[in-house]
Amino acid sequence: MENIVYENKTVRITDKHFVVGSKTYVLNNVTSTDLEKKGTIGAKIIGFLIFIGGLLLSTHGFNTNDFNILLTGIGVSILGSLFFLIKPTYSVILHTAGGENTAYVSKDKDQILEILKKLNQTIG
């Protein structure tokens, strides 16, 4: 009988297996774990450029007394600022003798850290 170490809606860790959805990893084969963060720096740079473009457009609308251009510029600036709300994704990486596997991906960093903690306690 396996003892459940951690369980949530999509992940279950027992003393022998790491189960994600329909995929099962045997923990005896896991040598170490890692956290991988896929950032959003590209989206933030694009958002910043859109934001600046909107500011320039709204400034032009203000200087020429063109209300439509002013409102369009404000709208574009708001759209650009929304790119800053994009959250990075975090992954659980399992290292085995055969290589590494991205076992689980989430935007919830605390959940990923908890899973890694339980995995490390189990394989440790």
PDB file of N, CA and C in Angstrom:
ATOM      1  N   MET A   1       0.844  -1.189   0.000  1.00  0.00           N
ATOM      2  CA  MET A   1       0.000   0.000   0.000  1.00  0.00           C
ATOM      3  C   MET A   1       0.886   1.248   0.000  1.00  0.00           C
ATOM      4  N   GLU A   2       0.535   2.187  -0.848  1.00  0.00           N
ATOM      5  CA  GLU A   2       1.300   3.424  -0.936  1.00  0.00           C
ATOM      6  C   GLU A   2       0.715   4.477   0.003  1.00  0.00           C
ATOM      7  N   ASN A   3       1.604   5.242   0.637  1.00  0.00           N
ATOM      8  CA  ASN A   3       1.171   6.335   1.501  1.00  0.00           C
ATOM      9  C   ASN A   3       1.119   7.617   0.686  1.00  0.00           C
ATOM     10  N   ILE A   4      -0.007   8.322   0.767  1.00  0.00           N
ATOM     11  CA  ILE A   4      -0.155   9.594   0.052  1.00  0.00           C
ATOM     12  C   ILE A   4       0.553  10.675   0.854  1.00  0.00           C
ATOM     13  N   VAL A   5       1.489  11.352   0.184  1.00  0.00           N
ATOM     14  CA  VAL A   5       2.273  12.416   0.803  1.00  0.00           C
ATOM     15  C   VAL A   5       1.636  13.777   0.539  1.00  0.00           C
ATOM     16  N   TYR A   6       1.088  13.937  -0.680  1.00  0.00           N
ATOM     17  CA  TYR A   6       0.483  15.203  -1.088  1.00  0.00           C
ATOM     18  C   TYR A   6      -0.559  14.894  -2.153  1.00  0.00           C
ATOM     19  N   GLU A   7      -1.655  15.658  -2.132  1.00  0.00           N
ATOM     20  CA  GLU A   7      -2.680  15.456  -3.151  1.00  0.00           C
ATOM     21  C   GLU A   7      -3.477  16.746  -3.331  1.00  0.00           C
ATOM     22  N   ASN A   8      -3.730  17.073  -4.595  1.00  0.00           N
ATOM     23  CA  ASN A   8      -4.669  18.144  -4.926  1.00  0.00           C
ATOM     24  C   ASN A   8      -5.495  17.685  -6.125  1.00  0.00           C
ATOM     25  N   LYS A   9      -6.157  18.587  -6.816  1.00  0.00           N
ATOM     26  CA  LYS A   9      -7.058  18.202  -7.909  1.00  0.00           C
ATOM     27  C   LYS A   9      -6.353  17.490  -9.061  1.00  0.00           C
ATOM     28  N   THR A  10      -5.105  17.867  -9.342  1.00  0.00           N
ATOM     29  CA  THR A  10      -4.419  17.323 -10.512  1.00  0.00           C
ATOM     30  C   THR A  10      -3.145  16.549 -10.205  1.00  0.00           C
ATOM     31  N   VAL A  11      -2.671  16.608  -8.964  1.00  0.00           N
ATOM     32  CA  VAL A  11      -1.390  16.000  -8.598  1.00  0.00           C
ATOM     33  C   VAL A  11      -1.567  15.108  -7.376  1.00  0.00           C
ATOM     34  N   ARG A  12      -0.887  13.950  -7.413  1.00  0.00           N
ATOM     35  CA  ARG A  12      -0.827  13.097  -6.225  1.00  0.00           C
ATOM     36  C   ARG A  12       0.609  12.594  -6.080  1.00  0.00           C
ATOM     37  N   ILE A  13       1.148  12.738  -4.891  1.00  0.00           N
ATOM     38  CA  ILE A  13       2.482  12.236  -4.587  1.00  0.00           C
ATOM     39  C   ILE A  13       2.321  11.171  -3.511  1.00  0.00           C
ATOM     40  N   THR A  14       2.829   9.985  -3.834  1.00  0.00           N
ATOM     41  CA  THR A  14       2.872   8.925  -2.826  1.00  0.00           C
ATOM     42  C   THR A  14       4.334   8.652  -2.510  1.00  0.00           C
ATOM     43  N   ASP A  15       4.575   7.693  -1.634  1.00  0.00           N
ATOM     44  CA  ASP A  15       5.964   7.380  -1.313  1.00  0.00           C
ATOM     45  C   ASP A  15       6.685   6.677  -2.464  1.00  0.00           C
ATOM     46  N   LYS A  16       5.942   6.296  -3.531  1.00  0.00           N
ATOM     47  CA  LYS A  16       6.557   5.603  -4.666  1.00  0.00           C
ATOM     48  C   LYS A  16       6.330   6.282  -6.024  1.00  0.00           C
ATOM     49  N   HIS A  17       5.265   7.072  -6.151  1.00  0.00           N
ATOM     50  CA  HIS A  17       4.894   7.633  -7.452  1.00  0.00           C
ATOM     51  C   HIS A  17       4.536   9.115  -7.365  1.00  0.00           C
ATOM     52  N   PHE A  18       4.732   9.779  -8.492  1.00  0.00           N
ATOM     53  CA  PHE A  18       4.275  11.154  -8.684  1.00  0.00           C
ATOM     54  C   PHE A  18       3.301  11.093  -9.849  1.00  0.00           C
ATOM     55  N   VAL A  19       2.029  11.370  -9.580  1.00  0.00           N
ATOM     56  CA  VAL A  19       0.981  11.230 -10.587  1.00  0.00           C
ATOM     57  C   VAL A  19       0.444  12.619 -10.928  1.00  0.00           C
ATOM     58  N   VAL A  20       0.519  12.943 -12.230  1.00  0.00           N
ATOM     59  CA  VAL A  20      -0.011  14.207 -12.743  1.00  0.00           C
ATOM     60  C   VAL A  20      -1.003  13.855 -13.838  1.00  0.00           C
ATOM     61  N   GLY A  21      -2.295  14.055 -13.544  1.00  0.00           N
ATOM     62  CA  GLY A  21      -3.310  13.667 -14.518  1.00  0.00           C
ATOM     63  C   GLY A  21      -3.220  12.174 -14.786  1.00  0.00           C
ATOM     64  N   SER A  22      -2.981  11.807 -16.052  1.00  0.00           N
ATOM     65  CA  SER A  22      -2.871  10.390 -16.410  1.00  0.00           C
ATOM     66  C   SER A  22      -1.418   9.922 -16.500  1.00  0.00           C
ATOM     67  N   LYS A  23      -0.470  10.792 -16.214  1.00  0.00           N
ATOM     68  CA  LYS A  23       0.959  10.476 -16.310  1.00  0.00           C
ATOM     69  C   LYS A  23       1.497  10.114 -14.928  1.00  0.00           C
ATOM     70  N   THR A  24       2.223   9.002 -14.842  1.00  0.00           N
ATOM     71  CA  THR A  24       2.795   8.539 -13.578  1.00  0.00           C
ATOM     72  C   THR A  24       4.310   8.457 -13.693  1.00  0.00           C
ATOM     73  N   TYR A  25       4.999   9.027 -12.721  1.00  0.00           N
ATOM     74  CA  TYR A  25       6.463   8.971 -12.647  1.00  0.00           C
ATOM     75  C   TYR A  25       6.845   8.129 -11.438  1.00  0.00           C
ATOM     76  N   VAL A  26       7.753   7.187 -11.646  1.00  0.00           N
ATOM     77  CA  VAL A  26       8.243   6.349 -10.549  1.00  0.00           C
ATOM     78  C   VAL A  26       9.339   7.132  -9.830  1.00  0.00           C
ATOM     79  N   LEU A  27       9.164   7.351  -8.542  1.00  0.00           N
ATOM     80  CA  LEU A  27      10.096   8.200  -7.793  1.00  0.00           C
ATOM     81  C   LEU A  27      11.456   7.548  -7.572  1.00  0.00           C
ATOM     82  N   ASN A  28      11.551   6.226  -7.663  1.00  0.00           N
ATOM     83  CA  ASN A  28      12.862   5.566  -7.553  1.00  0.00           C
ATOM     84  C   ASN A  28      13.804   5.995  -8.675  1.00  0.00           C
ATOM     85  N   ASN A  29      13.231   6.388  -9.820  1.00  0.00           N
ATOM     86  CA  ASN A  29      14.032   6.802 -10.974  1.00  0.00           C
ATOM     87  C   ASN A  29      14.440   8.276 -10.915  1.00  0.00           C
ATOM     88  N   VAL A  30      13.841   9.039 -10.008  1.00  0.00           N
ATOM     89  CA  VAL A  30      14.098  10.488  -9.934  1.00  0.00           C
ATOM     90  C   VAL A  30      15.328  10.733  -9.065  1.00  0.00           C
ATOM     91  N   THR A  31      16.316  11.430  -9.649  1.00  0.00           N
ATOM     92  CA  THR A  31      17.542  11.736  -8.900  1.00  0.00           C
ATOM     93  C   THR A  31      17.478  13.096  -8.227  1.00  0.00           C
ATOM     94  N   SER A  32      16.782  14.051  -8.859  1.00  0.00           N
ATOM     95  CA  SER A  32      16.630  15.384  -8.265  1.00  0.00           C
ATOM     96  C   SER A  32      15.466  16.100  -8.937  1.00  0.00           C
ATOM     97  N   THR A  33      15.080  17.221  -8.352  1.00  0.00           N
ATOM     98  CA  THR A  33      13.997  18.030  -8.900  1.00  0.00           C
ATOM     99  C   THR A  33      14.490  19.462  -9.079  1.00  0.00           C
ATOM    100  N   ASP A  34      13.770  20.194  -9.890  1.00  0.00           N
ATOM    101  CA  ASP A  34      14.107  21.596 -10.139  1.00  0.00           C
ATOM    102  C   ASP A  34      12.843  22.410 -10.346  1.00  0.00           C
ATOM    103  N   LEU A  35      12.980  23.696 -10.110  1.00  0.00           N
ATOM    104  CA  LEU A  35      11.938  24.670 -10.418  1.00  0.00           C
ATOM    105  C   LEU A  35      12.388  25.440 -11.643  1.00  0.00           C
ATOM    106  N   GLU A  36      11.508  25.533 -12.631  1.00  0.00           N
ATOM    107  CA  GLU A  36      11.815  26.326 -13.814  1.00  0.00           C
ATOM    108  C   GLU A  36      10.764  27.420 -13.926  1.00  0.00           C
ATOM    109  N   LYS A  37      11.225  28.626 -14.153  1.00  0.00           N
ATOM    110  CA  LYS A  37      10.320  29.769 -14.318  1.00  0.00           C
ATOM    111  C   LYS A  37      10.434  30.255 -15.749  1.00  0.00           C
ATOM    112  N   LYS A  38       9.297  30.298 -16.415  1.00  0.00           N
ATOM    113  CA  LYS A  38       9.261  30.869 -17.755  1.00  0.00           C
ATOM    114  C   LYS A  38       8.678  32.264 -17.603  1.00  0.00           C
ATOM    115  N   GLY A  39       9.547  33.225 -17.782  1.00  0.00           N
ATOM    116  CA  GLY A  39       9.181  34.605 -17.506  1.00  0.00           C
ATOM    117  C   GLY A  39       8.311  35.240 -18.560  1.00  0.00           C
ATOM    118  N   THR A  40       7.968  36.449 -18.263  1.00  0.00           N
ATOM    119  CA  THR A  40       7.094  37.216 -19.141  1.00  0.00           C
ATOM    120  C   THR A  40       7.780  38.489 -19.606  1.00  0.00           C
ATOM    121  N   ILE A  41       9.120  38.477 -19.606  1.00  0.00           N
ATOM    122  CA  ILE A  41       9.839  39.703 -19.947  1.00  0.00           C
ATOM    123  C   ILE A  41       9.509  40.160 -21.364  1.00  0.00           C
ATOM    124  N   GLY A  42       9.337  39.217 -22.292  1.00  0.00           N
ATOM    125  CA  GLY A  42       8.990  39.587 -23.671  1.00  0.00           C
ATOM    126  C   GLY A  42       7.650  40.298 -23.735  1.00  0.00           C
ATOM    127  N   ALA A  43       6.667  39.786 -23.026  1.00  0.00           N
ATOM    128  CA  ALA A  43       5.340  40.403 -23.008  1.00  0.00           C
ATOM    129  C   ALA A  43       5.388  41.775 -22.352  1.00  0.00           C
ATOM    130  N   LYS A  44       6.213  41.896 -21.321  1.00  0.00           N
ATOM    131  CA  LYS A  44       6.311  43.192 -20.641  1.00  0.00           C
ATOM    132  C   LYS A  44       6.988  44.235 -21.523  1.00  0.00           C
ATOM    133  N   ILE A  45       7.972  43.830 -22.293  1.00  0.00           N
ATOM    134  CA  ILE A  45       8.625  44.769 -23.218  1.00  0.00           C
ATOM    135  C   ILE A  45       7.634  45.211 -24.288  1.00  0.00           C
ATOM    136  N   ILE A  46       6.887  44.264 -24.845  1.00  0.00           N
ATOM    137  CA  ILE A  46       5.877  44.614 -25.850  1.00  0.00           C
ATOM    138  C   ILE A  46       4.823  45.529 -25.240  1.00  0.00           C
ATOM    139  N   GLY A  47       4.360  45.194 -24.042  1.00  0.00           N
ATOM    140  CA  GLY A  47       3.372  46.031 -23.364  1.00  0.00           C
ATOM    141  C   GLY A  47       3.884  47.438 -23.119  1.00  0.00           C
ATOM    142  N   PHE A  48       5.160  47.544 -22.734  1.00  0.00           N
ATOM    143  CA  PHE A  48       5.748  48.859 -22.493  1.00  0.00           C
ATOM    144  C   PHE A  48       5.793  49.673 -23.788  1.00  0.00           C
ATOM    145  N   LEU A  49       6.176  49.033 -24.883  1.00  0.00           N
ATOM    146  CA  LEU A  49       6.228  49.741 -26.175  1.00  0.00           C
ATOM    147  C   LEU A  49       4.839  50.180 -26.621  1.00  0.00           C
ATOM    148  N   ILE A  50       3.837  49.326 -26.429  1.00  0.00           N
ATOM    149  CA  ILE A  50       2.461  49.709 -26.758  1.00  0.00           C
ATOM    150  C   ILE A  50       2.005  50.863 -25.873  1.00  0.00           C
ATOM    151  N   PHE A  51       2.348  50.806 -24.600  1.00  0.00           N
ATOM    152  CA  PHE A  51       1.986  51.865 -23.664  1.00  0.00           C
ATOM    153  C   PHE A  51       2.591  53.211 -24.089  1.00  0.00           C
ATOM    154  N   ILE A  52       3.891  53.179 -24.428  1.00  0.00           N
ATOM    155  CA  ILE A  52       4.567  54.416 -24.868  1.00  0.00           C
ATOM    156  C   ILE A  52       3.941  54.932 -26.157  1.00  0.00           C
ATOM    157  N   GLY A  53       3.639  54.005 -27.086  1.00  0.00           N
ATOM    158  CA  GLY A  53       2.983  54.414 -28.335  1.00  0.00           C
ATOM    159  C   GLY A  53       1.643  55.078 -28.065  1.00  0.00           C
ATOM    160  N   GLY A  54       0.888  54.537 -27.119  1.00  0.00           N
ATOM    161  CA  GLY A  54      -0.392  55.136 -26.746  1.00  0.00           C
ATOM    162  C   GLY A  54      -0.223  56.509 -26.133  1.00  0.00           C
ATOM    163  N   LEU A  55       0.814  56.668 -25.298  1.00  0.00           N
ATOM    164  CA  LEU A  55       1.076  57.987 -24.717  1.00  0.00           C
ATOM    165  C   LEU A  55       1.425  59.008 -25.797  1.00  0.00           C
ATOM    166  N   LEU A  56       2.260  58.593 -26.736  1.00  0.00           N
ATOM    167  CA  LEU A  56       2.625  59.504 -27.836  1.00  0.00           C
ATOM    168  C   LEU A  56       1.396  59.864 -28.667  1.00  0.00           C
ATOM    169  N   LEU A  57       0.549  58.862 -28.926  1.00  0.00           N
ATOM    170  CA  LEU A  57      -0.662  59.111 -29.701  1.00  0.00           C
ATOM    171  C   LEU A  57      -1.605  60.045 -28.952  1.00  0.00           C
ATOM    172  N   SER A  58      -1.783  59.835 -27.662  1.00  0.00           N
ATOM    173  CA  SER A  58      -2.683  60.710 -26.898  1.00  0.00           C
ATOM    174  C   SER A  58      -2.108  62.118 -26.771  1.00  0.00           C
ATOM    175  N   THR A  59      -0.786  62.238 -26.680  1.00  0.00           N
ATOM    176  CA  THR A  59      -0.153  63.566 -26.649  1.00  0.00           C
ATOM    177  C   THR A  59      -0.402  64.295 -27.961  1.00  0.00           C
ATOM    178  N   HIS A  60      -0.274  63.555 -29.062  1.00  0.00           N
ATOM    179  CA  HIS A  60      -0.547  64.163 -30.374  1.00  0.00           C
ATOM    180  C   HIS A  60      -2.008  64.618 -30.449  1.00  0.00           C
ATOM    181  N   GLY A  61      -2.921  63.777 -29.960  1.00  0.00           N
ATOM    182  CA  GLY A  61      -4.338  64.145 -29.962  1.00  0.00           C
ATOM    183  C   GLY A  61      -4.609  65.353 -29.091  1.00  0.00           C
ATOM    184  N   PHE A  62      -3.923  65.454 -27.962  1.00  0.00           N
ATOM    185  CA  PHE A  62      -4.093  66.607 -27.074  1.00  0.00           C
ATOM    186  C   PHE A  62      -3.570  67.878 -27.740  1.00  0.00           C
ATOM    187  N   ASN A  63      -2.386  67.779 -28.369  1.00  0.00           N
ATOM    188  CA  ASN A  63      -1.768  68.956 -28.993  1.00  0.00           C
ATOM    189  C   ASN A  63      -2.532  69.449 -30.202  1.00  0.00           C
ATOM    190  N   THR A  64      -3.195  68.546 -30.895  1.00  0.00           N
ATOM    191  CA  THR A  64      -3.944  68.958 -32.097  1.00  0.00           C
ATOM    192  C   THR A  64      -5.431  69.138 -31.813  1.00  0.00           C
ATOM    193  N   ASN A  65      -5.810  69.037 -30.569  1.00  0.00           N
ATOM    194  CA  ASN A  65      -7.207  69.158 -30.153  1.00  0.00           C
ATOM    195  C   ASN A  65      -8.112  68.158 -30.869  1.00  0.00           C
ATOM    196  N   ASP A  66      -7.578  66.984 -31.162  1.00  0.00           N
ATOM    197  CA  ASP A  66      -8.363  65.929 -31.808  1.00  0.00           C
ATOM    198  C   ASP A  66      -8.776  64.926 -30.728  1.00  0.00           C
ATOM    199  N   PHE A  67     -10.022  65.005 -30.327  1.00  0.00           N
ATOM    200  CA  PHE A  67     -10.535  64.202 -29.227  1.00  0.00           C
ATOM    201  C   PHE A  67     -10.486  62.694 -29.538  1.00  0.00           C
ATOM    202  N   ASN A  68     -10.746  62.328 -30.795  1.00  0.00           N
ATOM    203  CA  ASN A  68     -10.735  60.906 -31.172  1.00  0.00           C
ATOM    204  C   ASN A  68      -9.336  60.305 -31.039  1.00  0.00           C
ATOM    205  N   ILE A  69      -8.314  61.024 -31.475  1.00  0.00           N
ATOM    206  CA  ILE A  69      -6.939  60.539 -31.353  1.00  0.00           C
ATOM    207  C   ILE A  69      -6.539  60.473 -29.883  1.00  0.00           C
ATOM    208  N   LEU A  70      -6.959  61.466 -29.115  1.00  0.00           N
ATOM    209  CA  LEU A  70      -6.665  61.468 -27.681  1.00  0.00           C
ATOM    210  C   LEU A  70      -7.240  60.225 -27.001  1.00  0.00           C
ATOM    211  N   LEU A  71      -8.519  59.918 -27.265  1.00  0.00           N
ATOM    212  CA  LEU A  71      -9.151  58.746 -26.664  1.00  0.00           C
ATOM    213  C   LEU A  71      -8.534  57.446 -27.167  1.00  0.00           C
ATOM    214  N   THR A  72      -8.184  57.396 -28.436  1.00  0.00           N
ATOM    215  CA  THR A  72      -7.530  56.206 -28.983  1.00  0.00           C
ATOM    216  C   THR A  72      -6.187  55.983 -28.290  1.00  0.00           C
ATOM    217  N   GLY A  73      -5.430  57.064 -28.109  1.00  0.00           N
ATOM    218  CA  GLY A  73      -4.142  56.956 -27.427  1.00  0.00           C
ATOM    219  C   GLY A  73      -4.277  56.471 -25.998  1.00  0.00           C
ATOM    220  N   ILE A  74      -5.286  56.976 -25.306  1.00  0.00           N
ATOM    221  CA  ILE A  74      -5.531  56.534 -23.928  1.00  0.00           C
ATOM    222  C   ILE A  74      -5.893  55.045 -23.921  1.00  0.00           C
ATOM    223  N   GLY A  75      -6.738  54.638 -24.866  1.00  0.00           N
ATOM    224  CA  GLY A  75      -7.124  53.228 -24.962  1.00  0.00           C
ATOM    225  C   GLY A  75      -5.934  52.326 -25.250  1.00  0.00           C
ATOM    226  N   VAL A  76      -5.065  52.760 -26.157  1.00  0.00           N
ATOM    227  CA  VAL A  76      -3.877  51.977 -26.488  1.00  0.00           C
ATOM    228  C   VAL A  76      -2.952  51.890 -25.272  1.00  0.00           C
ATOM    229  N   SER A  77      -2.823  52.967 -24.521  1.00  0.00           N
ATOM    230  CA  SER A  77      -1.996  52.953 -23.316  1.00  0.00           C
ATOM    231  C   SER A  77      -2.543  51.974 -22.283  1.00  0.00           C
ATOM    232  N   ILE A  78      -3.851  51.961 -22.124  1.00  0.00           N
ATOM    233  CA  ILE A  78      -4.471  51.012 -21.184  1.00  0.00           C
ATOM    234  C   ILE A  78      -4.227  49.581 -21.653  1.00  0.00           C
ATOM    235  N   LEU A  79      -4.373  49.343 -22.954  1.00  0.00           N
ATOM    236  CA  LEU A  79      -4.108  48.020 -23.503  1.00  0.00           C
ATOM    237  C   LEU A  79      -2.664  47.595 -23.235  1.00  0.00           C
ATOM    238  N   GLY A  80      -1.726  48.490 -23.443  1.00  0.00           N
ATOM    239  CA  GLY A  80      -0.321  48.186 -23.190  1.00  0.00           C
ATOM    240  C   GLY A  80      -0.055  47.871 -21.731  1.00  0.00           C
ATOM    241  N   SER A  81      -0.733  48.575 -20.832  1.00  0.00           N
ATOM    242  CA  SER A  81      -0.510  48.325 -19.404  1.00  0.00           C
ATOM    243  C   SER A  81      -1.055  46.973 -18.971  1.00  0.00           C
ATOM    244  N   LEU A  82      -2.015  46.418 -19.702  1.00  0.00           N
ATOM    245  CA  LEU A  82      -2.558  45.106 -19.358  1.00  0.00           C
ATOM    246  C   LEU A  82      -1.523  43.992 -19.519  1.00  0.00           C
ATOM    247  N   PHE A  83      -0.525  44.207 -20.367  1.00  0.00           N
ATOM    248  CA  PHE A  83       0.526  43.204 -20.554  1.00  0.00           C
ATOM    249  C   PHE A  83       1.310  42.977 -19.263  1.00  0.00           C
ATOM    250  N   PHE A  84       1.307  43.949 -18.373  1.00  0.00           N
ATOM    251  CA  PHE A  84       2.038  43.805 -17.110  1.00  0.00           C
ATOM    252  C   PHE A  84       1.323  42.888 -16.126  1.00  0.00           C
ATOM    253  N   LEU A  85       0.084  42.514 -16.428  1.00  0.00           N
ATOM    254  CA  LEU A  85      -0.673  41.628 -15.551  1.00  0.00           C
ATOM    255  C   LEU A  85      -0.423  40.148 -15.856  1.00  0.00           C
ATOM    256  N   ILE A  86       0.289  39.852 -16.941  1.00  0.00           N
ATOM    257  CA  ILE A  86       0.563  38.469 -17.306  1.00  0.00           C
ATOM    258  C   ILE A  86       1.515  37.853 -16.287  1.00  0.00           C
ATOM    259  N   LYS A  87       1.123  36.692 -15.765  1.00  0.00           N
ATOM    260  CA  LYS A  87       1.926  36.019 -14.744  1.00  0.00           C
ATOM    261  C   LYS A  87       2.852  34.992 -15.398  1.00  0.00           C
ATOM    262  N   PRO A  88       4.024  34.788 -14.823  1.00  0.00           N
ATOM    263  CA  PRO A  88       4.924  33.753 -15.346  1.00  0.00           C
ATOM    264  C   PRO A  88       4.383  32.355 -15.031  1.00  0.00           C
ATOM    265  N   THR A  89       4.909  31.363 -15.735  1.00  0.00           N
ATOM    266  CA  THR A  89       4.560  29.981 -15.431  1.00  0.00           C
ATOM    267  C   THR A  89       5.750  29.306 -14.759  1.00  0.00           C
ATOM    268  N   TYR A  90       5.436  28.383 -13.865  1.00  0.00           N
ATOM    269  CA  TYR A  90       6.443  27.651 -13.111  1.00  0.00           C
ATOM    270  C   TYR A  90       6.280  26.165 -13.424  1.00  0.00           C
ATOM    271  N   SER A  91       7.401  25.459 -13.495  1.00  0.00           N
ATOM    272  CA  SER A  91       7.372  24.039 -13.837  1.00  0.00           C
ATOM    273  C   SER A  91       8.128  23.213 -12.815  1.00  0.00           C
ATOM    274  N   VAL A  92       7.624  21.997 -12.589  1.00  0.00           N
ATOM    275  CA  VAL A  92       8.344  20.995 -11.807  1.00  0.00           C
ATOM    276  C   VAL A  92       9.138  20.172 -12.810  1.00  0.00           C
ATOM    277  N   ILE A  93      10.458  20.177 -12.647  1.00  0.00           N
ATOM    278  CA  ILE A  93      11.340  19.405 -13.515  1.00  0.00           C
ATOM    279  C   ILE A  93      11.865  18.211 -12.718  1.00  0.00           C
ATOM    280  N   LEU A  94      11.709  17.013 -13.290  1.00  0.00           N
ATOM    281  CA  LEU A  94      12.228  15.804 -12.673  1.00  0.00           C
ATOM    282  C   LEU A  94      13.463  15.348 -13.437  1.00  0.00           C
ATOM    283  N   HIS A  95      14.571  15.179 -12.723  1.00  0.00           N
ATOM    284  CA  HIS A  95      15.814  14.686 -13.329  1.00  0.00           C
ATOM    285  C   HIS A  95      15.926  13.191 -13.068  1.00  0.00           C
ATOM    286  N   THR A  96      16.164  12.439 -14.136  1.00  0.00           N
ATOM    287  CA  THR A  96      16.366  10.998 -14.028  1.00  0.00           C
ATOM    288  C   THR A  96      17.635  10.635 -14.795  1.00  0.00           C
ATOM    289  N   ALA A  97      18.008   9.363 -14.727  1.00  0.00           N
ATOM    290  CA  ALA A  97      19.178   8.907 -15.487  1.00  0.00           C
ATOM    291  C   ALA A  97      18.939   9.069 -16.992  1.00  0.00           C
ATOM    292  N   GLY A  98      17.699   9.032 -17.402  1.00  0.00           N
ATOM    293  CA  GLY A  98      17.355   9.169 -18.816  1.00  0.00           C
ATOM    294  C   GLY A  98      17.212  10.595 -19.297  1.00  0.00           C
ATOM    295  N   GLY A  99      17.355  11.562 -18.421  1.00  0.00           N
ATOM    296  CA  GLY A  99      17.205  12.962 -18.817  1.00  0.00           C
ATOM    297  C   GLY A  99      16.296  13.707 -17.861  1.00  0.00           C
ATOM    298  N   GLU A 100      15.712  14.776 -18.367  1.00  0.00           N
ATOM    299  CA  GLU A 100      14.807  15.557 -17.519  1.00  0.00           C
ATOM    300  C   GLU A 100      13.432  15.627 -18.150  1.00  0.00           C
ATOM    301  N   ASN A 101      12.422  15.699 -17.292  1.00  0.00           N
ATOM    302  CA  ASN A 101      11.028  15.766 -17.715  1.00  0.00           C
ATOM    303  C   ASN A 101      10.352  16.955 -17.066  1.00  0.00           C
ATOM    304  N   THR A 102       9.607  17.705 -17.854  1.00  0.00           N
ATOM    305  CA  THR A 102       8.741  18.732 -17.285  1.00  0.00           C
ATOM    306  C   THR A 102       7.467  18.014 -16.868  1.00  0.00           C
ATOM    307  N   ALA A 103       7.313  17.816 -15.562  1.00  0.00           N
ATOM    308  CA  ALA A 103       6.237  16.975 -15.053  1.00  0.00           C
ATOM    309  C   ALA A 103       4.947  17.746 -14.780  1.00  0.00           C
ATOM    310  N   TYR A 104       5.066  19.000 -14.388  1.00  0.00           N
ATOM    311  CA  TYR A 104       3.870  19.761 -14.010  1.00  0.00           C
ATOM    312  C   TYR A 104       4.141  21.239 -14.221  1.00  0.00           C
ATOM    313  N   VAL A 105       3.145  21.962 -14.746  1.00  0.00           N
ATOM    314  CA  VAL A 105       3.279  23.392 -15.029  1.00  0.00           C
ATOM    315  C   VAL A 105       2.082  24.113 -14.415  1.00  0.00           C
ATOM    316  N   SER A 106       2.361  25.255 -13.774  1.00  0.00           N
ATOM    317  CA  SER A 106       1.298  26.050 -13.159  1.00  0.00           C
ATOM    318  C   SER A 106       1.740  27.502 -13.039  1.00  0.00           C
ATOM    319  N   LYS A 107       0.770  28.400 -12.928  1.00  0.00           N
ATOM    320  CA  LYS A 107       1.073  29.805 -12.656  1.00  0.00           C
ATOM    321  C   LYS A 107       1.138  30.073 -11.150  1.00  0.00           C
ATOM    322  N   ASP A 108       0.766  29.082 -10.363  1.00  0.00           N
ATOM    323  CA  ASP A 108       0.739  29.201  -8.902  1.00  0.00           C
ATOM    324  C   ASP A 108       2.097  28.783  -8.328  1.00  0.00           C
ATOM    325  N   LYS A 109       2.945  29.760  -8.047  1.00  0.00           N
ATOM    326  CA  LYS A 109       4.294  29.476  -7.561  1.00  0.00           C
ATOM    327  C   LYS A 109       4.270  28.750  -6.222  1.00  0.00           C
ATOM    328  N   ASP A 110       3.367  29.142  -5.323  1.00  0.00           N
ATOM    329  CA  ASP A 110       3.294  28.496  -4.009  1.00  0.00           C
ATOM    330  C   ASP A 110       2.960  27.009  -4.138  1.00  0.00           C
ATOM    331  N   GLN A 111       2.059  26.681  -5.049  1.00  0.00           N
ATOM    332  CA  GLN A 111       1.709  25.282  -5.266  1.00  0.00           C
ATOM    333  C   GLN A 111       2.911  24.499  -5.798  1.00  0.00           C
ATOM    334  N   ILE A 112       3.633  25.069  -6.748  1.00  0.00           N
ATOM    335  CA  ILE A 112       4.819  24.406  -7.305  1.00  0.00           C
ATOM    336  C   ILE A 112       5.867  24.197  -6.214  1.00  0.00           C
ATOM    337  N   LEU A 113       6.082  25.199  -5.382  1.00  0.00           N
ATOM    338  CA  LEU A 113       7.061  25.072  -4.294  1.00  0.00           C
ATOM    339  C   LEU A 113       6.653  23.982  -3.303  1.00  0.00           C
ATOM    340  N   GLU A 114       5.358  23.890  -3.008  1.00  0.00           N
ATOM    341  CA  GLU A 114       4.869  22.849  -2.101  1.00  0.00           C
ATOM    342  C   GLU A 114       5.073  21.461  -2.713  1.00  0.00           C
ATOM    343  N   ILE A 115       4.778  21.323  -4.010  1.00  0.00           N
ATOM    344  CA  ILE A 115       4.987  20.041  -4.691  1.00  0.00           C
ATOM    345  C   ILE A 115       6.462  19.670  -4.671  1.00  0.00           C
ATOM    346  N   LEU A 116       7.339  20.625  -4.969  1.00  0.00           N
ATOM    347  CA  LEU A 116       8.781  20.350  -4.956  1.00  0.00           C
ATOM    348  C   LEU A 116       9.261  19.954  -3.564  1.00  0.00           C
ATOM    349  N   LYS A 117       8.741  20.624  -2.553  1.00  0.00           N
ATOM    350  CA  LYS A 117       9.115  20.295  -1.173  1.00  0.00           C
ATOM    351  C   LYS A 117       8.740  18.849  -0.839  1.00  0.00           C
ATOM    352  N   LYS A 118       7.509  18.468  -1.189  1.00  0.00           N
ATOM    353  CA  LYS A 118       7.045  17.105  -0.899  1.00  0.00           C
ATOM    354  C   LYS A 118       7.813  16.080  -1.728  1.00  0.00           C
ATOM    355  N   LEU A 119       8.100  16.394  -2.991  1.00  0.00           N
ATOM    356  CA  LEU A 119       8.885  15.472  -3.823  1.00  0.00           C
ATOM    357  C   LEU A 119      10.281  15.271  -3.248  1.00  0.00           C
ATOM    358  N   ASN A 120      10.925  16.366  -2.854  1.00  0.00           N
ATOM    359  CA  ASN A 120      12.278  16.279  -2.317  1.00  0.00           C
ATOM    360  C   ASN A 120      12.313  15.503  -1.000  1.00  0.00           C
ATOM    361  N   GLN A 121      11.288  15.676  -0.170  1.00  0.00           N
ATOM    362  CA  GLN A 121      11.210  14.901   1.071  1.00  0.00           C
ATOM    363  C   GLN A 121      11.043  13.417   0.768  1.00  0.00           C
ATOM    364  N   THR A 122      10.294  13.124  -0.279  1.00  0.00           N
ATOM    365  CA  THR A 122      10.001  11.728  -0.628  1.00  0.00           C
ATOM    366  C   THR A 122      11.208  11.034  -1.264  1.00  0.00           C
ATOM    367  N   ILE A 123      11.912  11.727  -2.154  1.00  0.00           N
ATOM    368  CA  ILE A 123      13.053  11.089  -2.822  1.00  0.00           C
ATOM    369  C   ILE A 123      14.337  11.217  -2.017  1.00  0.00           C
ATOM    370  N   GLY A 124      14.348  12.183  -1.070  1.00  0.00           N
ATOM    371  CA  GLY A 124      15.532  12.500  -0.305  1.00  0.00           C
ATOM    372  C   GLY A 124      15.987  11.417   0.575  1.00  0.00           C
TER     373      GLY A 124
END
